[in-house]
Every structure is written in C-alpha cells, then in structure tokens.
N, C-alpha and C. Protein backbone atom coordinates (compact mmCIF):
# COMPACT_ATOMS: atom_id res chain seq x y z
N MET A 1 -15.94 -18.75 -18.07
CA MET A 1 -17.25 -18.42 -17.41
C MET A 1 -17.34 -16.90 -17.43
N PHE A 2 -18.45 -16.42 -18.05
CA PHE A 2 -18.67 -15.03 -18.08
C PHE A 2 -19.63 -14.62 -16.96
N LEU A 3 -19.21 -13.71 -16.14
CA LEU A 3 -20.07 -13.19 -15.05
C LEU A 3 -19.98 -11.66 -15.06
N SER A 4 -21.18 -11.05 -15.12
CA SER A 4 -21.10 -9.48 -15.15
C SER A 4 -20.76 -8.96 -13.73
N ALA A 5 -20.19 -7.72 -13.77
CA ALA A 5 -19.84 -7.13 -12.46
C ALA A 5 -21.13 -6.91 -11.64
N ALA A 6 -22.21 -6.52 -12.28
CA ALA A 6 -23.43 -6.37 -11.58
C ALA A 6 -23.85 -7.70 -10.82
N PHE A 7 -23.76 -8.79 -11.56
CA PHE A 7 -24.21 -10.05 -11.06
C PHE A 7 -23.22 -10.45 -9.95
N LEU A 8 -21.99 -10.25 -10.04
CA LEU A 8 -21.02 -10.58 -8.99
C LEU A 8 -21.25 -9.75 -7.75
N SER A 9 -21.55 -8.48 -8.00
CA SER A 9 -21.81 -7.54 -6.83
C SER A 9 -23.01 -8.01 -6.07
N VAL A 10 -24.10 -8.39 -6.79
CA VAL A 10 -25.30 -8.84 -6.07
C VAL A 10 -25.06 -10.15 -5.28
N ILE A 11 -24.45 -11.07 -5.96
CA ILE A 11 -24.31 -12.33 -5.16
C ILE A 11 -23.19 -12.20 -4.09
N MET A 12 -22.33 -11.25 -4.22
CA MET A 12 -21.33 -11.01 -3.08
C MET A 12 -22.04 -10.30 -1.92
N ALA A 13 -22.96 -9.40 -2.25
CA ALA A 13 -23.67 -8.62 -1.21
C ALA A 13 -24.62 -9.57 -0.52
N GLY A 14 -25.16 -10.48 -1.22
CA GLY A 14 -26.22 -11.37 -0.61
C GLY A 14 -25.67 -12.71 -0.19
N ASN A 15 -24.36 -12.90 -0.26
CA ASN A 15 -23.73 -14.21 0.07
C ASN A 15 -24.31 -15.26 -0.77
N GLY A 16 -24.60 -14.95 -2.10
CA GLY A 16 -25.25 -15.93 -2.95
C GLY A 16 -24.33 -16.97 -3.46
N GLY A 17 -23.27 -17.29 -2.88
CA GLY A 17 -22.44 -18.36 -3.36
C GLY A 17 -20.99 -17.97 -3.61
N TYR A 18 -20.73 -16.77 -4.06
CA TYR A 18 -19.39 -16.35 -4.30
C TYR A 18 -18.84 -15.72 -3.05
N LYS A 19 -17.64 -16.10 -2.69
CA LYS A 19 -16.93 -15.55 -1.54
C LYS A 19 -15.89 -14.72 -2.04
N GLU A 20 -15.30 -13.85 -1.14
CA GLU A 20 -14.24 -12.97 -1.53
C GLU A 20 -13.08 -13.70 -2.13
N SER A 21 -12.79 -14.89 -1.57
CA SER A 21 -11.65 -15.68 -2.13
C SER A 21 -11.94 -16.14 -3.55
N GLU A 22 -13.14 -16.41 -3.87
CA GLU A 22 -13.48 -16.81 -5.29
C GLU A 22 -13.41 -15.60 -6.21
N LEU A 23 -13.76 -14.43 -5.70
CA LEU A 23 -13.71 -13.18 -6.42
C LEU A 23 -12.23 -12.89 -6.75
N VAL A 24 -11.41 -13.06 -5.79
CA VAL A 24 -9.92 -12.85 -5.88
C VAL A 24 -9.37 -13.79 -7.03
N ASN A 25 -9.77 -15.04 -6.90
CA ASN A 25 -9.38 -16.06 -7.95
C ASN A 25 -9.80 -15.66 -9.38
N LEU A 26 -11.03 -15.21 -9.47
CA LEU A 26 -11.49 -14.81 -10.82
C LEU A 26 -10.66 -13.59 -11.26
N ALA A 27 -10.57 -12.58 -10.46
CA ALA A 27 -9.80 -11.43 -10.83
C ALA A 27 -8.32 -11.74 -11.20
N ALA A 28 -7.73 -12.66 -10.45
CA ALA A 28 -6.34 -13.07 -10.71
C ALA A 28 -6.16 -13.67 -12.04
N ARG A 29 -7.34 -14.31 -12.53
CA ARG A 29 -7.32 -14.99 -13.85
C ARG A 29 -7.77 -14.02 -14.92
N GLY A 30 -7.92 -12.76 -14.61
CA GLY A 30 -8.17 -11.75 -15.59
C GLY A 30 -9.66 -11.38 -15.86
N ASN A 31 -10.58 -11.97 -15.07
CA ASN A 31 -12.01 -11.76 -15.21
C ASN A 31 -12.33 -10.26 -14.95
N ASN A 32 -12.62 -9.47 -15.96
CA ASN A 32 -12.83 -8.02 -15.82
C ASN A 32 -13.99 -7.70 -14.89
N ALA A 33 -15.04 -8.48 -14.95
CA ALA A 33 -16.11 -8.24 -14.02
C ALA A 33 -15.70 -8.34 -12.58
N ALA A 34 -14.92 -9.34 -12.22
CA ALA A 34 -14.39 -9.54 -10.88
C ALA A 34 -13.41 -8.34 -10.46
N ILE A 35 -12.60 -7.98 -11.48
CA ILE A 35 -11.69 -6.83 -11.21
C ILE A 35 -12.56 -5.57 -10.94
N LYS A 36 -13.60 -5.41 -11.70
CA LYS A 36 -14.44 -4.21 -11.52
C LYS A 36 -15.08 -4.29 -10.09
N VAL A 37 -15.60 -5.33 -9.70
CA VAL A 37 -16.16 -5.46 -8.36
C VAL A 37 -15.16 -5.17 -7.26
N ILE A 38 -14.06 -5.71 -7.39
CA ILE A 38 -12.97 -5.40 -6.33
C ILE A 38 -12.68 -3.91 -6.43
N TYR A 39 -12.49 -3.30 -7.57
CA TYR A 39 -12.18 -1.87 -7.67
C TYR A 39 -13.33 -1.10 -7.05
N ASP A 40 -14.61 -1.34 -7.47
CA ASP A 40 -15.70 -0.56 -6.98
C ASP A 40 -15.87 -0.71 -5.47
N THR A 41 -15.60 -1.90 -4.94
CA THR A 41 -15.77 -2.11 -3.53
C THR A 41 -14.76 -1.39 -2.68
N TYR A 42 -13.50 -1.32 -3.17
CA TYR A 42 -12.44 -0.74 -2.32
C TYR A 42 -11.94 0.67 -2.70
N VAL A 43 -12.30 1.18 -3.86
CA VAL A 43 -11.74 2.45 -4.36
C VAL A 43 -11.92 3.55 -3.36
N GLY A 44 -13.15 3.69 -2.82
CA GLY A 44 -13.43 4.85 -1.81
C GLY A 44 -12.56 4.68 -0.61
N TYR A 45 -12.50 3.51 -0.03
CA TYR A 45 -11.70 3.32 1.15
C TYR A 45 -10.20 3.54 0.99
N LEU A 46 -9.68 3.00 -0.15
CA LEU A 46 -8.28 3.14 -0.46
C LEU A 46 -7.94 4.55 -0.78
N SER A 47 -8.88 5.28 -1.43
CA SER A 47 -8.70 6.75 -1.70
C SER A 47 -8.55 7.50 -0.34
N ALA A 48 -9.34 7.10 0.55
CA ALA A 48 -9.26 7.82 1.93
C ALA A 48 -7.94 7.49 2.61
N VAL A 49 -7.53 6.28 2.56
CA VAL A 49 -6.17 5.89 3.08
C VAL A 49 -5.03 6.71 2.41
N CYS A 50 -5.11 6.77 1.07
CA CYS A 50 -4.11 7.62 0.33
C CYS A 50 -4.18 9.07 0.69
N ALA A 51 -5.34 9.54 0.86
CA ALA A 51 -5.52 11.00 1.19
C ALA A 51 -4.92 11.40 2.58
N ARG A 52 -4.79 10.43 3.40
CA ARG A 52 -4.11 10.70 4.69
C ARG A 52 -2.60 11.02 4.49
N TYR A 53 -2.06 10.57 3.48
CA TYR A 53 -0.62 10.82 3.15
C TYR A 53 -0.39 11.85 2.00
N ILE A 54 -1.12 11.78 1.06
CA ILE A 54 -0.96 12.62 -0.19
C ILE A 54 -2.04 13.71 -0.22
N VAL A 55 -1.68 14.96 0.01
CA VAL A 55 -2.59 15.99 0.11
C VAL A 55 -3.13 16.44 -1.27
N ASP A 56 -2.23 16.61 -2.24
CA ASP A 56 -2.69 17.15 -3.59
C ASP A 56 -3.47 16.13 -4.26
N GLU A 57 -4.72 16.48 -4.74
CA GLU A 57 -5.59 15.66 -5.37
C GLU A 57 -5.05 14.96 -6.70
N ASP A 58 -4.32 15.71 -7.47
CA ASP A 58 -3.72 15.14 -8.72
C ASP A 58 -2.65 14.11 -8.39
N ASP A 59 -1.89 14.39 -7.40
CA ASP A 59 -0.88 13.46 -6.94
C ASP A 59 -1.45 12.26 -6.39
N ARG A 60 -2.55 12.38 -5.66
CA ARG A 60 -3.34 11.25 -5.08
C ARG A 60 -3.84 10.38 -6.15
N LYS A 61 -4.42 10.86 -7.20
CA LYS A 61 -4.95 10.16 -8.37
C LYS A 61 -3.83 9.38 -9.00
N ASP A 62 -2.68 9.99 -9.21
CA ASP A 62 -1.58 9.33 -9.78
C ASP A 62 -1.06 8.10 -8.87
N VAL A 63 -0.96 8.36 -7.60
CA VAL A 63 -0.55 7.31 -6.71
C VAL A 63 -1.60 6.17 -6.72
N LEU A 64 -2.88 6.45 -6.59
CA LEU A 64 -3.88 5.42 -6.60
C LEU A 64 -3.88 4.57 -7.86
N GLN A 65 -3.61 5.27 -9.04
CA GLN A 65 -3.63 4.56 -10.32
C GLN A 65 -2.39 3.56 -10.26
N GLU A 66 -1.24 3.94 -9.75
CA GLU A 66 -0.17 3.03 -9.63
C GLU A 66 -0.51 1.91 -8.65
N CYS A 67 -1.27 2.17 -7.61
CA CYS A 67 -1.63 1.20 -6.65
C CYS A 67 -2.53 0.16 -7.23
N PHE A 68 -3.50 0.59 -7.95
CA PHE A 68 -4.41 -0.38 -8.61
C PHE A 68 -3.72 -1.22 -9.72
N ILE A 69 -2.80 -0.62 -10.40
CA ILE A 69 -1.98 -1.36 -11.40
C ILE A 69 -1.19 -2.43 -10.64
N ARG A 70 -0.58 -2.05 -9.53
CA ARG A 70 0.19 -3.07 -8.75
C ARG A 70 -0.70 -4.06 -8.11
N ILE A 71 -1.88 -3.70 -7.59
CA ILE A 71 -2.77 -4.62 -6.99
C ILE A 71 -3.22 -5.66 -8.07
N PHE A 72 -3.70 -5.23 -9.23
CA PHE A 72 -4.26 -6.17 -10.24
C PHE A 72 -3.29 -6.95 -10.93
N THR A 73 -1.97 -6.48 -10.98
CA THR A 73 -0.93 -7.28 -11.61
C THR A 73 -0.26 -8.22 -10.62
N SER A 74 -0.60 -8.09 -9.33
CA SER A 74 0.00 -8.93 -8.28
C SER A 74 -1.00 -9.89 -7.71
N LEU A 75 -2.28 -9.79 -8.08
CA LEU A 75 -3.30 -10.65 -7.39
C LEU A 75 -2.96 -12.12 -7.48
N ASP A 76 -2.33 -12.55 -8.59
CA ASP A 76 -2.03 -13.96 -8.69
C ASP A 76 -0.97 -14.43 -7.63
N LYS A 77 -0.26 -13.48 -7.12
CA LYS A 77 0.76 -13.82 -6.00
C LYS A 77 0.17 -13.59 -4.62
N PHE A 78 -1.02 -13.00 -4.53
CA PHE A 78 -1.64 -12.72 -3.31
C PHE A 78 -2.11 -14.00 -2.60
N ASP A 79 -1.77 -14.12 -1.31
CA ASP A 79 -2.18 -15.32 -0.57
C ASP A 79 -3.37 -15.04 0.30
N TYR A 80 -4.48 -15.44 -0.13
CA TYR A 80 -5.74 -15.15 0.56
C TYR A 80 -5.76 -15.88 1.93
N ARG A 81 -5.96 -15.10 3.01
CA ARG A 81 -5.85 -15.73 4.40
C ARG A 81 -7.16 -15.51 5.20
N GLY A 82 -8.22 -15.37 4.42
CA GLY A 82 -9.54 -15.14 5.15
C GLY A 82 -10.06 -13.75 4.99
N GLU A 83 -11.26 -13.62 5.39
CA GLU A 83 -12.00 -12.31 5.27
C GLU A 83 -11.15 -11.21 5.84
N GLY A 84 -11.06 -10.13 5.07
CA GLY A 84 -10.21 -8.95 5.49
C GLY A 84 -8.85 -8.92 5.06
N SER A 85 -8.32 -10.12 4.58
CA SER A 85 -6.88 -10.15 4.14
C SER A 85 -6.67 -9.41 2.90
N LEU A 86 -7.65 -9.46 1.94
CA LEU A 86 -7.56 -8.67 0.73
C LEU A 86 -7.43 -7.15 1.01
N LYS A 87 -8.32 -6.69 1.87
CA LYS A 87 -8.32 -5.26 2.27
C LYS A 87 -7.01 -4.87 2.88
N ALA A 88 -6.61 -5.65 3.84
CA ALA A 88 -5.33 -5.33 4.47
C ALA A 88 -4.12 -5.32 3.56
N TRP A 89 -4.08 -6.25 2.61
CA TRP A 89 -3.06 -6.32 1.62
C TRP A 89 -3.04 -5.06 0.73
N MET A 90 -4.26 -4.71 0.26
CA MET A 90 -4.41 -3.47 -0.58
C MET A 90 -4.00 -2.23 0.20
N ILE A 91 -4.36 -2.16 1.49
CA ILE A 91 -4.01 -0.97 2.32
C ILE A 91 -2.42 -0.88 2.41
N ARG A 92 -1.79 -2.10 2.63
CA ARG A 92 -0.37 -2.02 2.65
C ARG A 92 0.35 -1.49 1.36
N ILE A 93 -0.28 -1.89 0.20
CA ILE A 93 0.19 -1.45 -1.06
C ILE A 93 -0.01 0.10 -1.12
N VAL A 94 -1.13 0.57 -0.75
CA VAL A 94 -1.42 2.02 -0.91
C VAL A 94 -0.50 2.80 0.16
N VAL A 95 -0.32 2.35 1.30
CA VAL A 95 0.59 3.02 2.24
C VAL A 95 2.01 3.06 1.70
N ASN A 96 2.45 1.87 1.17
CA ASN A 96 3.79 1.77 0.68
C ASN A 96 4.00 2.69 -0.60
N GLU A 97 3.05 2.71 -1.45
CA GLU A 97 3.12 3.47 -2.65
C GLU A 97 3.17 4.98 -2.28
N SER A 98 2.29 5.35 -1.30
CA SER A 98 2.24 6.77 -0.81
C SER A 98 3.56 7.22 -0.24
N LEU A 99 4.17 6.29 0.65
CA LEU A 99 5.45 6.63 1.09
C LEU A 99 6.54 6.70 0.05
N ARG A 100 6.47 5.84 -0.88
CA ARG A 100 7.46 5.91 -2.05
C ARG A 100 7.32 7.26 -2.77
N PHE A 101 6.06 7.63 -2.98
CA PHE A 101 5.84 9.03 -3.64
C PHE A 101 6.41 10.07 -2.80
N LEU A 102 6.09 10.06 -1.53
CA LEU A 102 6.61 11.18 -0.63
C LEU A 102 8.11 11.20 -0.56
N LYS A 103 8.78 9.99 -0.56
CA LYS A 103 10.18 9.93 -0.52
C LYS A 103 10.83 10.61 -1.82
N LYS A 104 10.17 10.40 -2.99
CA LYS A 104 10.65 10.89 -4.18
C LYS A 104 10.43 12.40 -4.30
N SER A 105 9.28 12.89 -3.80
CA SER A 105 8.80 14.22 -4.07
C SER A 105 9.03 15.27 -2.96
N THR A 106 9.33 14.81 -1.68
CA THR A 106 9.48 15.78 -0.66
C THR A 106 10.64 15.35 0.26
N SER A 107 10.95 16.27 1.18
CA SER A 107 12.00 15.91 2.13
C SER A 107 11.32 15.63 3.51
N TYR A 108 10.09 15.24 3.48
CA TYR A 108 9.37 14.93 4.70
C TYR A 108 9.10 16.06 5.76
N ASP A 109 9.92 17.11 5.55
CA ASP A 109 9.80 18.20 6.53
C ASP A 109 10.03 17.75 8.01
N PHE A 110 11.17 17.15 8.22
CA PHE A 110 11.55 16.75 9.57
C PHE A 110 12.21 17.73 10.43
N ILE A 111 12.40 18.92 9.92
CA ILE A 111 12.95 20.01 10.64
C ILE A 111 12.02 20.56 11.62
N GLY A 112 12.54 20.97 12.72
CA GLY A 112 11.67 21.52 13.84
C GLY A 112 10.72 22.44 13.29
N HIS A 113 9.53 22.38 13.60
CA HIS A 113 8.50 23.37 13.13
C HIS A 113 8.56 24.65 13.93
N GLU A 114 8.34 25.70 13.22
CA GLU A 114 8.58 27.09 13.81
C GLU A 114 7.58 27.41 14.84
N GLU A 115 6.38 26.87 14.83
CA GLU A 115 5.38 27.17 15.86
C GLU A 115 5.86 26.70 17.26
N THR A 116 5.53 27.50 18.21
CA THR A 116 5.78 27.07 19.61
C THR A 116 4.58 26.19 19.94
N LEU A 117 4.97 24.90 20.35
CA LEU A 117 4.00 23.88 20.61
C LEU A 117 3.88 23.69 22.11
N PRO A 118 2.63 23.53 22.58
CA PRO A 118 2.39 23.29 24.00
C PRO A 118 2.84 21.86 24.44
N ASP A 119 3.27 21.83 25.79
CA ASP A 119 3.38 20.46 26.31
C ASP A 119 2.06 19.89 26.52
N ILE A 120 1.76 18.70 26.05
CA ILE A 120 0.39 18.16 26.30
C ILE A 120 0.40 17.09 27.29
N ALA A 121 -0.39 17.34 28.30
CA ALA A 121 -0.46 16.29 29.36
C ALA A 121 -1.45 15.19 29.07
N ASP A 122 -2.52 15.64 28.44
CA ASP A 122 -3.68 14.82 28.13
C ASP A 122 -3.97 14.91 26.64
N GLU A 123 -4.65 13.82 26.13
CA GLU A 123 -5.15 13.86 24.77
C GLU A 123 -6.23 14.99 24.70
N PRO A 124 -6.21 15.74 23.72
CA PRO A 124 -7.26 16.79 23.55
C PRO A 124 -8.61 16.19 23.32
N GLU A 125 -9.69 16.79 23.80
CA GLU A 125 -11.04 16.32 23.67
C GLU A 125 -11.56 16.69 22.32
N VAL A 126 -11.96 15.81 21.46
CA VAL A 126 -12.37 16.11 20.11
C VAL A 126 -13.87 16.06 19.93
N GLU A 127 -14.57 15.65 21.06
CA GLU A 127 -15.99 15.52 20.89
C GLU A 127 -16.59 16.93 20.51
N GLY A 128 -17.52 16.91 19.60
CA GLY A 128 -18.19 18.03 19.07
C GLY A 128 -17.46 18.66 17.90
N ILE A 129 -16.31 18.22 17.58
CA ILE A 129 -15.56 18.78 16.36
C ILE A 129 -15.88 17.79 15.24
N PRO A 130 -16.42 18.25 14.08
CA PRO A 130 -16.76 17.40 13.00
C PRO A 130 -15.53 16.69 12.44
N ASP A 131 -15.83 15.37 12.09
CA ASP A 131 -14.70 14.53 11.50
C ASP A 131 -13.93 15.16 10.45
N ASP A 132 -14.64 15.90 9.52
CA ASP A 132 -13.98 16.51 8.36
C ASP A 132 -12.98 17.70 8.89
N VAL A 133 -13.31 18.30 9.98
CA VAL A 133 -12.42 19.39 10.47
C VAL A 133 -11.15 18.71 11.12
N ILE A 134 -11.34 17.57 11.83
CA ILE A 134 -10.24 16.86 12.38
C ILE A 134 -9.33 16.32 11.26
N ASN A 135 -9.99 15.81 10.16
CA ASN A 135 -9.20 15.31 9.01
C ASN A 135 -8.34 16.45 8.40
N ASP A 136 -9.04 17.67 8.22
CA ASP A 136 -8.32 18.72 7.68
C ASP A 136 -7.18 19.16 8.56
N MET A 137 -7.34 19.10 9.86
CA MET A 137 -6.20 19.42 10.76
C MET A 137 -5.10 18.49 10.56
N ILE A 138 -5.39 17.22 10.44
CA ILE A 138 -4.34 16.19 10.17
C ILE A 138 -3.65 16.46 8.84
N LEU A 139 -4.43 16.76 7.77
CA LEU A 139 -3.86 16.95 6.52
C LEU A 139 -3.05 18.21 6.49
N SER A 140 -3.28 19.20 7.32
CA SER A 140 -2.50 20.43 7.25
C SER A 140 -1.20 20.32 8.06
N LEU A 141 -0.97 19.10 8.70
CA LEU A 141 0.33 18.97 9.40
C LEU A 141 1.47 18.95 8.40
N PRO A 142 2.67 19.28 8.80
CA PRO A 142 3.85 19.23 7.91
C PRO A 142 3.97 17.73 7.47
N THR A 143 4.45 17.50 6.27
CA THR A 143 4.51 16.18 5.69
C THR A 143 5.06 15.09 6.62
N GLY A 144 6.17 15.33 7.24
CA GLY A 144 6.79 14.37 8.07
C GLY A 144 5.99 14.04 9.31
N TYR A 145 5.43 15.07 9.96
CA TYR A 145 4.56 14.92 11.14
C TYR A 145 3.32 13.98 10.74
N ARG A 146 2.67 14.46 9.63
CA ARG A 146 1.48 13.74 9.15
C ARG A 146 1.76 12.36 8.86
N THR A 147 2.87 12.06 8.19
CA THR A 147 3.19 10.71 7.77
C THR A 147 3.39 9.82 8.97
N VAL A 148 4.22 10.30 9.89
CA VAL A 148 4.44 9.47 11.16
C VAL A 148 3.16 9.33 11.95
N PHE A 149 2.39 10.45 12.12
CA PHE A 149 1.12 10.31 12.81
C PHE A 149 0.24 9.26 12.19
N ASN A 150 0.05 9.28 10.86
CA ASN A 150 -0.80 8.31 10.21
C ASN A 150 -0.41 6.92 10.33
N LEU A 151 0.93 6.70 10.20
CA LEU A 151 1.49 5.34 10.33
C LEU A 151 1.30 4.88 11.70
N TYR A 152 1.46 5.66 12.73
CA TYR A 152 1.33 5.27 14.09
C TYR A 152 -0.10 5.07 14.53
N VAL A 153 -0.92 6.02 14.21
CA VAL A 153 -2.33 5.94 14.61
C VAL A 153 -3.20 5.06 13.79
N PHE A 154 -3.15 5.24 12.50
CA PHE A 154 -4.09 4.49 11.61
C PHE A 154 -3.54 3.15 11.22
N GLU A 155 -2.22 3.05 10.99
CA GLU A 155 -1.69 1.76 10.48
C GLU A 155 -1.16 0.99 11.64
N GLN A 156 -1.17 1.55 12.83
CA GLN A 156 -0.67 0.93 14.08
C GLN A 156 0.66 0.34 14.00
N LYS A 157 1.60 1.16 13.36
CA LYS A 157 3.00 0.71 13.25
C LYS A 157 3.71 1.22 14.53
N SER A 158 4.74 0.55 14.93
CA SER A 158 5.61 0.97 16.09
C SER A 158 6.56 1.99 15.47
N HIS A 159 7.19 2.79 16.46
CA HIS A 159 8.20 3.75 15.99
C HIS A 159 9.39 3.09 15.31
N LYS A 160 9.69 1.88 15.77
CA LYS A 160 10.79 1.07 15.14
C LYS A 160 10.42 0.82 13.71
N GLU A 161 9.20 0.29 13.53
CA GLU A 161 8.73 -0.01 12.11
C GLU A 161 8.68 1.22 11.30
N ILE A 162 8.17 2.39 11.84
CA ILE A 162 8.09 3.62 11.08
C ILE A 162 9.49 4.05 10.70
N GLY A 163 10.42 3.93 11.60
CA GLY A 163 11.80 4.42 11.37
C GLY A 163 12.37 3.58 10.18
N ALA A 164 12.13 2.25 10.14
CA ALA A 164 12.53 1.48 9.04
C ALA A 164 11.92 1.76 7.77
N MET A 165 10.62 2.09 7.82
CA MET A 165 9.87 2.41 6.56
C MET A 165 10.31 3.71 5.95
N MET A 166 10.73 4.64 6.87
CA MET A 166 10.93 5.96 6.34
C MET A 166 12.48 6.36 6.42
N ASN A 167 13.26 5.37 6.71
CA ASN A 167 14.73 5.56 6.80
C ASN A 167 15.11 6.72 7.78
N ILE A 168 14.46 6.64 8.95
CA ILE A 168 14.81 7.61 10.05
C ILE A 168 14.98 6.82 11.32
N GLY A 169 15.47 7.38 12.35
CA GLY A 169 15.74 6.66 13.55
C GLY A 169 14.40 6.55 14.32
N GLU A 170 14.35 5.54 15.19
CA GLU A 170 13.16 5.30 16.00
C GLU A 170 12.88 6.52 16.88
N SER A 171 13.83 7.16 17.39
CA SER A 171 13.64 8.30 18.26
C SER A 171 13.11 9.51 17.42
N SER A 172 13.54 9.58 16.27
CA SER A 172 13.11 10.70 15.29
C SER A 172 11.60 10.48 15.07
N SER A 173 11.14 9.15 14.85
CA SER A 173 9.79 8.89 14.59
C SER A 173 8.98 9.31 15.86
N ALA A 174 9.45 8.94 17.04
CA ALA A 174 8.69 9.26 18.30
C ALA A 174 8.68 10.79 18.45
N SER A 175 9.67 11.54 18.10
CA SER A 175 9.71 12.88 18.23
C SER A 175 8.76 13.58 17.28
N GLN A 176 8.74 13.08 16.00
CA GLN A 176 7.80 13.62 15.01
C GLN A 176 6.33 13.37 15.41
N PHE A 177 6.12 12.16 16.08
CA PHE A 177 4.76 11.88 16.52
C PHE A 177 4.33 12.86 17.65
N SER A 178 5.22 13.04 18.57
CA SER A 178 4.99 13.89 19.69
C SER A 178 4.70 15.28 19.26
N ARG A 179 5.45 15.82 18.24
CA ARG A 179 5.26 17.12 17.73
C ARG A 179 3.95 17.21 17.02
N ALA A 180 3.57 16.16 16.25
CA ALA A 180 2.32 16.12 15.43
C ALA A 180 1.08 16.25 16.43
N LYS A 181 1.22 15.47 17.54
CA LYS A 181 0.12 15.41 18.53
C LYS A 181 0.03 16.86 19.19
N ALA A 182 1.22 17.45 19.48
CA ALA A 182 1.20 18.76 20.13
C ALA A 182 0.57 19.80 19.18
N LEU A 183 0.90 19.74 17.90
CA LEU A 183 0.43 20.74 16.93
C LEU A 183 -1.05 20.51 16.77
N LEU A 184 -1.49 19.27 16.72
CA LEU A 184 -2.94 19.04 16.71
C LEU A 184 -3.68 19.47 17.93
N ALA A 185 -3.08 19.26 19.05
CA ALA A 185 -3.72 19.70 20.29
C ALA A 185 -3.87 21.24 20.28
N LYS A 186 -2.87 21.86 19.77
CA LYS A 186 -2.91 23.40 19.68
C LYS A 186 -4.06 23.81 18.72
N ARG A 187 -4.16 23.17 17.56
CA ARG A 187 -5.21 23.50 16.62
C ARG A 187 -6.59 23.17 17.12
N ILE A 188 -6.74 22.07 17.80
CA ILE A 188 -8.03 21.71 18.44
C ILE A 188 -8.44 22.75 19.46
N LYS A 189 -7.48 23.15 20.28
CA LYS A 189 -7.70 24.15 21.30
C LYS A 189 -8.22 25.45 20.61
N GLU A 190 -7.48 25.91 19.55
CA GLU A 190 -7.89 27.14 18.84
C GLU A 190 -9.32 27.02 18.24
N TYR A 191 -9.54 25.82 17.64
CA TYR A 191 -10.89 25.58 17.07
C TYR A 191 -11.92 25.71 18.07
N LYS A 192 -11.74 25.09 19.25
CA LYS A 192 -12.72 25.13 20.33
C LYS A 192 -12.95 26.54 20.90
N THR A 193 -11.86 27.35 20.86
CA THR A 193 -11.93 28.68 21.36
C THR A 193 -12.82 29.52 20.45
N ILE A 194 -12.51 29.35 19.12
CA ILE A 194 -13.27 30.07 18.08
C ILE A 194 -14.74 29.66 18.02
N HIS A 195 -15.06 28.42 18.26
CA HIS A 195 -16.41 27.84 18.09
C HIS A 195 -17.04 27.48 19.36
N LYS A 196 -16.61 28.07 20.46
CA LYS A 196 -17.19 27.67 21.80
C LYS A 196 -18.61 28.02 21.99
N ASN A 197 -19.13 28.98 21.23
CA ASN A 197 -20.52 29.36 21.35
C ASN A 197 -21.43 28.83 20.27
N ASP A 198 -20.91 27.88 19.46
CA ASP A 198 -21.68 27.32 18.27
C ASP A 198 -22.56 26.18 18.90
C-alpha cells in the first residue's frame, strides 16, 4: 500500500482513520511516508530534549542523527501501549543517547564549582523572565549540574535512578542537583537585579 507523507499527515491530524499505532506499524515495515510523518511530527520536540543535555549544535545534530537511526531500526521491537507511548519511548532514546555522548566526551564536571553559591530557602520566582532566558541559564550550567537537573526536573528521575544512569552515587546526584538549583537561583537573582526596571 502506497501512502504519501502528506496524506498520512492529513488523516492523522484529522483522525481520518489512521491512528498512531497504525503509523508505527507502517513505519516498522519500512513505509517511507510513515517514517517521514513520525520524523516530521517529533523532530522539533526531540531536538529540544537533546538540547537540554548537548549544548554544541554540531554535537546535538550528530546525537539526534544517531537517535533517529536507532528509533527507526528499532520500531519493529517497539511495544505500542497507547497514545503517548511512542513519544515517551523516543524521549528515552534521546536522553540515553545524550548521556552516552556526554559520558564519552566529557567528565560531567562533578567537581565543586568555584562560584560561591547561596543557600536557597525557597524556589526563586521566575515570573517575568522569558523562557529562552531561563533555558539559556540552564544550558550554561556545568555539564554535570545541567545533566542531573534535567534528569530530575524534566525526566522526573529519582536521585537513585540518576545515580545508576550516570554511574555516580545517589548522594552525589542530590548534591549536584542542589548546586544546580543554587547556581540557577543566583543567576535568576542577578538577572532580576539587572532588569528590575524593564
């Protein structure tokens, strides 16, 4: 059966008969149009997930390429469990590939950061700070801090799970997260001081 990517996109968007599970089955059998629809649907979101871990754009492109190769060569083994399961599965692949890249290319920077960090009693108020500024603050964290922060906040992993994923102790993960939050709080406070009259 030949189905164009445009046709599949239209009927997926309009619930015209094809469900995500059917799209996955078509892609797993090598249907290029279905593969293109999956790619086009998720590339932006998965790029953003990867960008939380990999700062350098060229490295990020390389990691994403590996992710999509892995996704499309493993679709036949993917167990569809309802709406959202494909996205969750692809996110796991992107996070794992990003961590694999970081393990090979950096030392995570788990050494104590030179900046004096404040004790934070409360979460800093981020209202009024543009999302892209917050994102840039997160991206500017040392690699280890950023990685633990992202896994804990965005992927909702426990410190025990993070420790296992990154080959560090649970207490080291908690410490890295605490230092990441403190550094972000400091940067948020500095930003608000600079932009208080904006």
